[in-house]
PDB file of N, CA and C in Angstrom:
ATOM      1  N   MET A   1     -22.165  40.160   8.700  1.00  0.00           N
ATOM      2  CA  MET A   1     -20.901  39.487   8.480  1.00  0.00           C
ATOM      3  C   MET A   1     -20.010  40.367   7.601  1.00  0.00           C
ATOM      4  N   ASP A   2     -18.790  40.563   8.036  1.00  0.00           N
ATOM      5  CA  ASP A   2     -17.847  41.363   7.270  1.00  0.00           C
ATOM      6  C   ASP A   2     -17.377  40.593   6.050  1.00  0.00           C
ATOM      7  N   LYS A   3     -17.169  41.334   4.970  1.00  0.00           N
ATOM      8  CA  LYS A   3     -16.612  40.725   3.768  1.00  0.00           C
ATOM      9  C   LYS A   3     -15.147  40.421   3.991  1.00  0.00           C
ATOM     10  N   LYS A   4     -14.750  39.223   3.607  1.00  0.00           N
ATOM     11  CA  LYS A   4     -13.336  38.874   3.691  1.00  0.00           C
ATOM     12  C   LYS A   4     -12.613  39.503   2.510  1.00  0.00           C
ATOM     13  N   ILE A   5     -11.376  39.854   2.719  1.00  0.00           N
ATOM     14  CA  ILE A   5     -10.560  40.356   1.609  1.00  0.00           C
ATOM     15  C   ILE A   5      -9.271  39.557   1.559  1.00  0.00           C
ATOM     16  N   LYS A   6      -8.629  39.592   0.422  1.00  0.00           N
ATOM     17  CA  LYS A   6      -7.359  38.896   0.213  1.00  0.00           C
ATOM     18  C   LYS A   6      -6.426  39.869  -0.479  1.00  0.00           C
ATOM     19  N   LYS A   7      -5.384  40.258   0.203  1.00  0.00           N
ATOM     20  CA  LYS A   7      -4.370  41.122  -0.410  1.00  0.00           C
ATOM     21  C   LYS A   7      -3.522  40.274  -1.347  1.00  0.00           C
ATOM     22  N   ARG A   8      -3.487  40.679  -2.605  1.00  0.00           N
ATOM     23  CA  ARG A   8      -2.695  39.962  -3.599  1.00  0.00           C
ATOM     24  C   ARG A   8      -1.495  40.803  -3.991  1.00  0.00           C
ATOM     25  N   THR A   9      -0.446  40.127  -4.380  1.00  0.00           N
ATOM     26  CA  THR A   9       0.726  40.847  -4.853  1.00  0.00           C
ATOM     27  C   THR A   9       0.395  41.461  -6.211  1.00  0.00           C
ATOM     28  N   GLY A  10       1.180  42.441  -6.602  1.00  0.00           N
ATOM     29  CA  GLY A  10       1.004  43.047  -7.919  1.00  0.00           C
ATOM     30  C   GLY A  10       1.147  42.018  -9.023  1.00  0.00           C
ATOM     31  N   LYS A  11       2.073  41.092  -8.837  1.00  0.00           N
ATOM     32  CA  LYS A  11       2.300  40.041  -9.834  1.00  0.00           C
ATOM     33  C   LYS A  11       1.065  39.143  -9.964  1.00  0.00           C
ATOM     34  N   GLU A  12       0.479  38.765  -8.816  1.00  0.00           N
ATOM     35  CA  GLU A  12      -0.730  37.932  -8.850  1.00  0.00           C
ATOM     36  C   GLU A  12      -1.861  38.657  -9.571  1.00  0.00           C
ATOM     37  N   LYS A  13      -2.112  39.906  -9.164  1.00  0.00           N
ATOM     38  CA  LYS A  13      -3.188  40.681  -9.788  1.00  0.00           C
ATOM     39  C   LYS A  13      -2.980  40.799 -11.292  1.00  0.00           C
ATOM     40  N   ASN A  14      -1.759  41.140 -11.690  1.00  0.00           N
ATOM     41  CA  ASN A  14      -1.478  41.291 -13.121  1.00  0.00           C
ATOM     42  C   ASN A  14      -1.715  39.999 -13.877  1.00  0.00           C
ATOM     43  N   ASN A  15      -1.298  38.881 -13.298  1.00  0.00           N
ATOM     44  CA  ASN A  15      -1.491  37.579 -13.927  1.00  0.00           C
ATOM     45  C   ASN A  15      -2.979  37.281 -14.085  1.00  0.00           C
ATOM     46  N   TYR A  16      -3.743  37.460 -13.006  1.00  0.00           N
ATOM     47  CA  TYR A  16      -5.175  37.175 -13.064  1.00  0.00           C
ATOM     48  C   TYR A  16      -5.880  38.101 -14.046  1.00  0.00           C
ATOM     49  N   ILE A  17      -5.562  39.385 -14.002  1.00  0.00           N
ATOM     50  CA  ILE A  17      -6.214  40.353 -14.884  1.00  0.00           C
ATOM     51  C   ILE A  17      -5.869  40.076 -16.344  1.00  0.00           C
ATOM     52  N   LYS A  18      -4.613  39.731 -16.605  1.00  0.00           N
ATOM     53  CA  LYS A  18      -4.205  39.403 -17.977  1.00  0.00           C
ATOM     54  C   LYS A  18      -5.017  38.212 -18.501  1.00  0.00           C
ATOM     55  N   ARG A  19      -5.156  37.198 -17.662  1.00  0.00           N
ATOM     56  CA  ARG A  19      -5.909  36.014 -18.074  1.00  0.00           C
ATOM     57  C   ARG A  19      -7.384  36.335 -18.247  1.00  0.00           C
ATOM     58  N   LEU A  20      -7.941  37.143 -17.341  1.00  0.00           N
ATOM     59  CA  LEU A  20      -9.351  37.526 -17.463  1.00  0.00           C
ATOM     60  C   LEU A  20      -9.587  38.366 -18.715  1.00  0.00           C
ATOM     61  N   ASN A  21      -8.661  39.238 -19.054  1.00  0.00           N
ATOM     62  CA  ASN A  21      -8.794  40.021 -20.282  1.00  0.00           C
ATOM     63  C   ASN A  21      -8.770  39.131 -21.514  1.00  0.00           C
ATOM     64  N   ARG A  22      -7.923  38.106 -21.478  1.00  0.00           N
ATOM     65  CA  ARG A  22      -7.864  37.157 -22.591  1.00  0.00           C
ATOM     66  C   ARG A  22      -9.196  36.402 -22.709  1.00  0.00           C
ATOM     67  N   ILE A  23      -9.758  35.997 -21.569  1.00  0.00           N
ATOM     68  CA  ILE A  23     -11.054  35.307 -21.567  1.00  0.00           C
ATOM     69  C   ILE A  23     -12.154  36.238 -22.069  1.00  0.00           C
ATOM     70  N   GLU A  24     -12.103  37.498 -21.638  1.00  0.00           N
ATOM     71  CA  GLU A  24     -13.076  38.479 -22.109  1.00  0.00           C
ATOM     72  C   GLU A  24     -12.998  38.611 -23.633  1.00  0.00           C
ATOM     73  N   GLY A  25     -11.796  38.594 -24.166  1.00  0.00           N
ATOM     74  CA  GLY A  25     -11.618  38.636 -25.619  1.00  0.00           C
ATOM     75  C   GLY A  25     -12.221  37.412 -26.290  1.00  0.00           C
ATOM     76  N   GLN A  26     -12.054  36.246 -25.654  1.00  0.00           N
ATOM     77  CA  GLN A  26     -12.656  35.027 -26.206  1.00  0.00           C
ATOM     78  C   GLN A  26     -14.181  35.152 -26.240  1.00  0.00           C
ATOM     79  N   ILE A  27     -14.762  35.687 -25.175  1.00  0.00           N
ATOM     80  CA  ILE A  27     -16.222  35.835 -25.107  1.00  0.00           C
ATOM     81  C   ILE A  27     -16.704  36.805 -26.181  1.00  0.00           C
ATOM     82  N   LYS A  28     -15.988  37.917 -26.350  1.00  0.00           N
ATOM     83  CA  LYS A  28     -16.353  38.868 -27.404  1.00  0.00           C
ATOM     84  C   LYS A  28     -16.246  38.213 -28.778  1.00  0.00           C
ATOM     85  N   GLY A  29     -15.228  37.360 -28.941  1.00  0.00           N
ATOM     86  CA  GLY A  29     -15.080  36.634 -30.196  1.00  0.00           C
ATOM     87  C   GLY A  29     -16.256  35.705 -30.450  1.00  0.00           C
ATOM     88  N   ILE A  30     -16.735  35.059 -29.396  1.00  0.00           N
ATOM     89  CA  ILE A  30     -17.895  34.169 -29.525  1.00  0.00           C
ATOM     90  C   ILE A  30     -19.130  34.980 -29.912  1.00  0.00           C
ATOM     91  N   THR A  31     -19.288  36.139 -29.293  1.00  0.00           N
ATOM     92  CA  THR A  31     -20.419  37.016 -29.633  1.00  0.00           C
ATOM     93  C   THR A  31     -20.362  37.383 -31.116  1.00  0.00           C
ATOM     94  N   ASN A  32     -19.182  37.739 -31.587  1.00  0.00           N
ATOM     95  CA  ASN A  32     -19.020  38.078 -33.005  1.00  0.00           C
ATOM     96  C   ASN A  32     -19.347  36.888 -33.895  1.00  0.00           C
ATOM     97  N   MET A  33     -18.938  35.711 -33.479  1.00  0.00           N
ATOM     98  CA  MET A  33     -19.217  34.515 -34.272  1.00  0.00           C
ATOM     99  C   MET A  33     -20.717  34.282 -34.402  1.00  0.00           C
ATOM    100  N   VAL A  34     -21.450  34.496 -33.300  1.00  0.00           N
ATOM    101  CA  VAL A  34     -22.909  34.335 -33.348  1.00  0.00           C
ATOM    102  C   VAL A  34     -23.504  35.397 -34.270  1.00  0.00           C
ATOM    103  N   GLU A  35     -23.054  36.637 -34.124  1.00  0.00           N
ATOM    104  CA  GLU A  35     -23.566  37.722 -34.961  1.00  0.00           C
ATOM    105  C   GLU A  35     -23.298  37.473 -36.439  1.00  0.00           C
ATOM    106  N   GLU A  36     -22.186  36.808 -36.733  1.00  0.00           N
ATOM    107  CA  GLU A  36     -21.793  36.534 -38.121  1.00  0.00           C
ATOM    108  C   GLU A  36     -22.367  35.218 -38.637  1.00  0.00           C
ATOM    109  N   ASP A  37     -23.220  34.572 -37.833  1.00  0.00           N
ATOM    110  CA  ASP A  37     -23.844  33.297 -38.226  1.00  0.00           C
ATOM    111  C   ASP A  37     -22.826  32.210 -38.534  1.00  0.00           C
ATOM    112  N   ARG A  38     -21.765  32.165 -37.747  1.00  0.00           N
ATOM    113  CA  ARG A  38     -20.743  31.126 -37.934  1.00  0.00           C
ATOM    114  C   ARG A  38     -21.319  29.757 -37.621  1.00  0.00           C
ATOM    115  N   TYR A  39     -20.651  28.752 -38.120  1.00  0.00           N
ATOM    116  CA  TYR A  39     -21.079  27.375 -37.962  1.00  0.00           C
ATOM    117  C   TYR A  39     -21.060  26.970 -36.484  1.00  0.00           C
ATOM    118  N   CYS A  40     -22.050  26.185 -36.066  1.00  0.00           N
ATOM    119  CA  CYS A  40     -22.217  25.798 -34.653  1.00  0.00           C
ATOM    120  C   CYS A  40     -20.967  25.159 -34.062  1.00  0.00           C
ATOM    121  N   ASP A  41     -20.335  24.251 -34.795  1.00  0.00           N
ATOM    122  CA  ASP A  41     -19.138  23.572 -34.273  1.00  0.00           C
ATOM    123  C   ASP A  41     -18.046  24.573 -33.910  1.00  0.00           C
ATOM    124  N   ASP A  42     -17.844  25.563 -34.756  1.00  0.00           N
ATOM    125  CA  ASP A  42     -16.810  26.572 -34.495  1.00  0.00           C
ATOM    126  C   ASP A  42     -17.113  27.352 -33.215  1.00  0.00           C
ATOM    127  N   ILE A  43     -18.382  27.704 -33.038  1.00  0.00           N
ATOM    128  CA  ILE A  43     -18.782  28.440 -31.836  1.00  0.00           C
ATOM    129  C   ILE A  43     -18.600  27.568 -30.599  1.00  0.00           C
ATOM    130  N   LEU A  44     -19.022  26.325 -30.705  1.00  0.00           N
ATOM    131  CA  LEU A  44     -18.911  25.416 -29.557  1.00  0.00           C
ATOM    132  C   LEU A  44     -17.463  25.175 -29.153  1.00  0.00           C
ATOM    133  N   ILE A  45     -16.583  25.112 -30.116  1.00  0.00           N
ATOM    134  CA  ILE A  45     -15.155  24.939 -29.812  1.00  0.00           C
ATOM    135  C   ILE A  45     -14.639  26.150 -29.046  1.00  0.00           C
ATOM    136  N   GLN A  46     -15.049  27.334 -29.451  1.00  0.00           N
ATOM    137  CA  GLN A  46     -14.614  28.546 -28.753  1.00  0.00           C
ATOM    138  C   GLN A  46     -15.225  28.647 -27.354  1.00  0.00           C
ATOM    139  N   ILE A  47     -16.475  28.213 -27.211  1.00  0.00           N
ATOM    140  CA  ILE A  47     -17.105  28.185 -25.888  1.00  0.00           C
ATOM    141  C   ILE A  47     -16.342  27.237 -24.977  1.00  0.00           C
ATOM    142  N   SER A  48     -15.965  26.097 -25.502  1.00  0.00           N
ATOM    143  CA  SER A  48     -15.203  25.122 -24.720  1.00  0.00           C
ATOM    144  C   SER A  48     -13.852  25.696 -24.299  1.00  0.00           C
ATOM    145  N   ALA A  49     -13.204  26.406 -25.193  1.00  0.00           N
ATOM    146  CA  ALA A  49     -11.902  27.008 -24.877  1.00  0.00           C
ATOM    147  C   ALA A  49     -12.045  28.068 -23.782  1.00  0.00           C
ATOM    148  N   ALA A  50     -13.076  28.903 -23.877  1.00  0.00           N
ATOM    149  CA  ALA A  50     -13.297  29.938 -22.856  1.00  0.00           C
ATOM    150  C   ALA A  50     -13.640  29.305 -21.517  1.00  0.00           C
ATOM    151  N   SER A  51     -14.447  28.280 -21.560  1.00  0.00           N
ATOM    152  CA  SER A  51     -14.819  27.566 -20.337  1.00  0.00           C
ATOM    153  C   SER A  51     -13.591  26.933 -19.684  1.00  0.00           C
ATOM    154  N   SER A  52     -12.737  26.329 -20.480  1.00  0.00           N
ATOM    155  CA  SER A  52     -11.507  25.723 -19.961  1.00  0.00           C
ATOM    156  C   SER A  52     -10.576  26.772 -19.357  1.00  0.00           C
ATOM    157  N   ALA A  53     -10.508  27.922 -20.005  1.00  0.00           N
ATOM    158  CA  ALA A  53      -9.657  28.998 -19.496  1.00  0.00           C
ATOM    159  C   ALA A  53     -10.164  29.498 -18.147  1.00  0.00           C
ATOM    160  N   LEU A  54     -11.485  29.651 -18.007  1.00  0.00           N
ATOM    161  CA  LEU A  54     -12.059  30.072 -16.731  1.00  0.00           C
ATOM    162  C   LEU A  54     -11.815  29.025 -15.649  1.00  0.00           C
ATOM    163  N   LYS A  55     -11.998  27.776 -16.003  1.00  0.00           N
ATOM    164  CA  LYS A  55     -11.795  26.692 -15.037  1.00  0.00           C
ATOM    165  C   LYS A  55     -10.329  26.647 -14.588  1.00  0.00           C
ATOM    166  N   ALA A  56      -9.402  26.810 -15.509  1.00  0.00           N
ATOM    167  CA  ALA A  56      -7.975  26.794 -15.169  1.00  0.00           C
ATOM    168  C   ALA A  56      -7.635  27.957 -14.236  1.00  0.00           C
ATOM    169  N   LEU A  57      -8.193  29.135 -14.506  1.00  0.00           N
ATOM    170  CA  LEU A  57      -7.955  30.279 -13.639  1.00  0.00           C
ATOM    171  C   LEU A  57      -8.560  30.030 -12.260  1.00  0.00           C
ATOM    172  N   GLY A  58      -9.756  29.482 -12.222  1.00  0.00           N
ATOM    173  CA  GLY A  58     -10.391  29.150 -10.951  1.00  0.00           C
ATOM    174  C   GLY A  58      -9.551  28.179 -10.146  1.00  0.00           C
ATOM    175  N   ASN A  59      -9.010  27.171 -10.806  1.00  0.00           N
ATOM    176  CA  ASN A  59      -8.162  26.196 -10.124  1.00  0.00           C
ATOM    177  C   ASN A  59      -6.892  26.848  -9.581  1.00  0.00           C
ATOM    178  N   GLU A  60      -6.318  27.770 -10.340  1.00  0.00           N
ATOM    179  CA  GLU A  60      -5.117  28.466  -9.883  1.00  0.00           C
ATOM    180  C   GLU A  60      -5.412  29.323  -8.657  1.00  0.00           C
ATOM    181  N   ILE A  61      -6.541  30.026  -8.687  1.00  0.00           N
ATOM    182  CA  ILE A  61      -6.917  30.862  -7.550  1.00  0.00           C
ATOM    183  C   ILE A  61      -7.227  29.990  -6.332  1.00  0.00           C
ATOM    184  N   LEU A  62      -7.874  28.855  -6.552  1.00  0.00           N
ATOM    185  CA  LEU A  62      -8.151  27.935  -5.444  1.00  0.00           C
ATOM    186  C   LEU A  62      -6.852  27.423  -4.823  1.00  0.00           C
ATOM    187  N   LEU A  63      -5.912  27.040  -5.650  1.00  0.00           N
ATOM    188  CA  LEU A  63      -4.623  26.552  -5.138  1.00  0.00           C
ATOM    189  C   LEU A  63      -3.926  27.639  -4.319  1.00  0.00           C
ATOM    190  N   ASN A  64      -3.935  28.856  -4.834  1.00  0.00           N
ATOM    191  CA  ASN A  64      -3.336  29.966  -4.104  1.00  0.00           C
ATOM    192  C   ASN A  64      -4.065  30.194  -2.781  1.00  0.00           C
ATOM    193  N   HIS A  65      -5.378  30.080  -2.805  1.00  0.00           N
ATOM    194  CA  HIS A  65      -6.185  30.240  -1.596  1.00  0.00           C
ATOM    195  C   HIS A  65      -5.792  29.191  -0.554  1.00  0.00           C
ATOM    196  N   MET A  66      -5.618  27.968  -1.002  1.00  0.00           N
ATOM    197  CA  MET A  66      -5.250  26.893  -0.075  1.00  0.00           C
ATOM    198  C   MET A  66      -3.870  27.123   0.526  1.00  0.00           C
ATOM    199  N   LYS A  67      -2.956  27.656  -0.270  1.00  0.00           N
ATOM    200  CA  LYS A  67      -1.581  27.866   0.199  1.00  0.00           C
ATOM    201  C   LYS A  67      -1.445  29.098   1.087  1.00  0.00           C
ATOM    202  N   THR A  68      -2.415  29.998   1.025  1.00  0.00           N
ATOM    203  CA  THR A  68      -2.285  31.242   1.790  1.00  0.00           C
ATOM    204  C   THR A  68      -3.406  31.373   2.817  1.00  0.00           C
ATOM    205  N   CYS A  69      -4.584  31.704   2.359  1.00  0.00           N
ATOM    206  CA  CYS A  69      -5.716  31.982   3.257  1.00  0.00           C
ATOM    207  C   CYS A  69      -6.059  30.780   4.133  1.00  0.00           C
ATOM    208  N   MET A  70      -6.134  29.616   3.519  1.00  0.00           N
ATOM    209  CA  MET A  70      -6.527  28.420   4.261  1.00  0.00           C
ATOM    210  C   MET A  70      -5.488  28.076   5.329  1.00  0.00           C
ATOM    211  N   ILE A  71      -4.231  28.136   4.972  1.00  0.00           N
ATOM    212  CA  ILE A  71      -3.162  27.854   5.943  1.00  0.00           C
ATOM    213  C   ILE A  71      -3.242  28.835   7.100  1.00  0.00           C
ATOM    214  N   GLU A  72      -3.449  30.108   6.775  1.00  0.00           N
ATOM    215  CA  GLU A  72      -3.561  31.131   7.815  1.00  0.00           C
ATOM    216  C   GLU A  72      -4.749  30.841   8.738  1.00  0.00           C
ATOM    217  N   ASP A  73      -5.905  30.487   8.130  1.00  0.00           N
ATOM    218  CA  ASP A  73      -7.084  30.162   8.929  1.00  0.00           C
ATOM    219  C   ASP A  73      -6.830  28.974   9.854  1.00  0.00           C
ATOM    220  N   ILE A  74      -6.240  27.927   9.321  1.00  0.00           N
ATOM    221  CA  ILE A  74      -5.977  26.726  10.127  1.00  0.00           C
ATOM    222  C   ILE A  74      -5.011  27.055  11.257  1.00  0.00           C
ATOM    223  N   ASN A  75      -3.978  27.815  10.943  1.00  0.00           N
ATOM    224  CA  ASN A  75      -3.021  28.208  11.985  1.00  0.00           C
ATOM    225  C   ASN A  75      -3.679  29.043  13.087  1.00  0.00           C
ATOM    226  N   ASN A  76      -4.772  29.744  12.726  1.00  0.00           N
ATOM    227  CA  ASN A  76      -5.514  30.546  13.700  1.00  0.00           C
ATOM    228  C   ASN A  76      -6.667  29.763  14.337  1.00  0.00           C
ATOM    229  N   GLY A  77      -6.714  28.456  14.067  1.00  0.00           N
ATOM    230  CA  GLY A  77      -7.730  27.600  14.679  1.00  0.00           C
ATOM    231  C   GLY A  77      -9.070  27.585  13.975  1.00  0.00           C
ATOM    232  N   ASN A  78      -9.182  28.192  12.805  1.00  0.00           N
ATOM    233  CA  ASN A  78     -10.434  28.215  12.047  1.00  0.00           C
ATOM    234  C   ASN A  78     -10.466  27.021  11.096  1.00  0.00           C
ATOM    235  N   LEU A  79     -10.969  25.894  11.596  1.00  0.00           N
ATOM    236  CA  LEU A  79     -11.016  24.683  10.780  1.00  0.00           C
ATOM    237  C   LEU A  79     -12.195  24.694   9.801  1.00  0.00           C
ATOM    238  N   GLU A  80     -13.109  25.668   9.935  1.00  0.00           N
ATOM    239  CA  GLU A  80     -14.211  25.800   8.976  1.00  0.00           C
ATOM    240  C   GLU A  80     -13.681  26.078   7.575  1.00  0.00           C
ATOM    241  N   SER A  81     -12.488  26.586   7.509  1.00  0.00           N
ATOM    242  CA  SER A  81     -11.852  26.886   6.233  1.00  0.00           C
ATOM    243  C   SER A  81     -11.750  25.633   5.356  1.00  0.00           C
ATOM    244  N   ILE A  82     -11.555  24.483   5.985  1.00  0.00           N
ATOM    245  CA  ILE A  82     -11.464  23.216   5.237  1.00  0.00           C
ATOM    246  C   ILE A  82     -12.801  22.934   4.556  1.00  0.00           C
ATOM    247  N   ASP A  83     -13.898  23.074   5.301  1.00  0.00           N
ATOM    248  CA  ASP A  83     -15.224  22.856   4.722  1.00  0.00           C
ATOM    249  C   ASP A  83     -15.511  23.845   3.592  1.00  0.00           C
ATOM    250  N   GLU A  84     -15.107  25.097   3.787  1.00  0.00           N
ATOM    251  CA  GLU A  84     -15.323  26.116   2.753  1.00  0.00           C
ATOM    252  C   GLU A  84     -14.589  25.757   1.474  1.00  0.00           C
ATOM    253  N   VAL A  85     -13.348  25.323   1.613  1.00  0.00           N
ATOM    254  CA  VAL A  85     -12.558  25.001   0.427  1.00  0.00           C
ATOM    255  C   VAL A  85     -13.105  23.752  -0.267  1.00  0.00           C
ATOM    256  N   MET A  86     -13.618  22.811   0.492  1.00  0.00           N
ATOM    257  CA  MET A  86     -14.207  21.618  -0.132  1.00  0.00           C
ATOM    258  C   MET A  86     -15.475  21.996  -0.902  1.00  0.00           C
ATOM    259  N   SER A  87     -16.251  22.924  -0.368  1.00  0.00           N
ATOM    260  CA  SER A  87     -17.447  23.393  -1.059  1.00  0.00           C
ATOM    261  C   SER A  87     -17.076  24.091  -2.370  1.00  0.00           C
ATOM    262  N   ILE A  88     -16.050  24.914  -2.314  1.00  0.00           N
ATOM    263  CA  ILE A  88     -15.578  25.611  -3.517  1.00  0.00           C
ATOM    264  C   ILE A  88     -15.071  24.587  -4.539  1.00  0.00           C
ATOM    265  N   TYR A  89     -14.316  23.613  -4.069  1.00  0.00           N
ATOM    266  CA  TYR A  89     -13.764  22.583  -4.961  1.00  0.00           C
ATOM    267  C   TYR A  89     -14.891  21.831  -5.664  1.00  0.00           C
ATOM    268  N   ARG A  90     -15.932  21.474  -4.918  1.00  0.00           N
ATOM    269  CA  ARG A  90     -17.046  20.756  -5.526  1.00  0.00           C
ATOM    270  C   ARG A  90     -17.703  21.587  -6.630  1.00  0.00           C
ATOM    271  N   ARG A  91     -17.832  22.887  -6.402  1.00  0.00           N
ATOM    272  CA  ARG A  91     -18.425  23.755  -7.435  1.00  0.00           C
ATOM    273  C   ARG A  91     -17.535  23.841  -8.661  1.00  0.00           C
ATOM    274  N   LEU A  92     -16.225  23.931  -8.450  1.00  0.00           N
ATOM    275  CA  LEU A  92     -15.304  24.009  -9.578  1.00  0.00           C
ATOM    276  C   LEU A  92     -15.230  22.694 -10.352  1.00  0.00           C
ATOM    277  N   SER A  93     -15.521  21.595  -9.684  1.00  0.00           N
ATOM    278  CA  SER A  93     -15.386  20.270 -10.309  1.00  0.00           C
ATOM    279  C   SER A  93     -16.543  19.923 -11.233  1.00  0.00           C
ATOM    280  N   LYS A  94     -17.629  20.680 -11.156  1.00  0.00           N
ATOM    281  CA  LYS A  94     -18.816  20.350 -11.969  1.00  0.00           C
ATOM    282  C   LYS A  94     -18.614  20.669 -13.407  1.00  0.00           C
TER     283      LYS A  94
END
């Protein structure tokens, strides 16, 4: 099976990469907090923030996928795309 690809605009890529870099910084901050023996509540709050940031980015990418790739698939008669997106949505919803 060939790997699917999605051509993104420069603006989309920059937005996603900027957000991922910010999340990466949050994760590094959490690592530092553990190394510094910070209080559990403080670490958990930062974990929650990083988790929320990842979930928000995932939701944005899913929405973009539905507006572009999924529409294209449906227009080409590939209704399996609906099942794929529902599977992805269920994973993101957990």
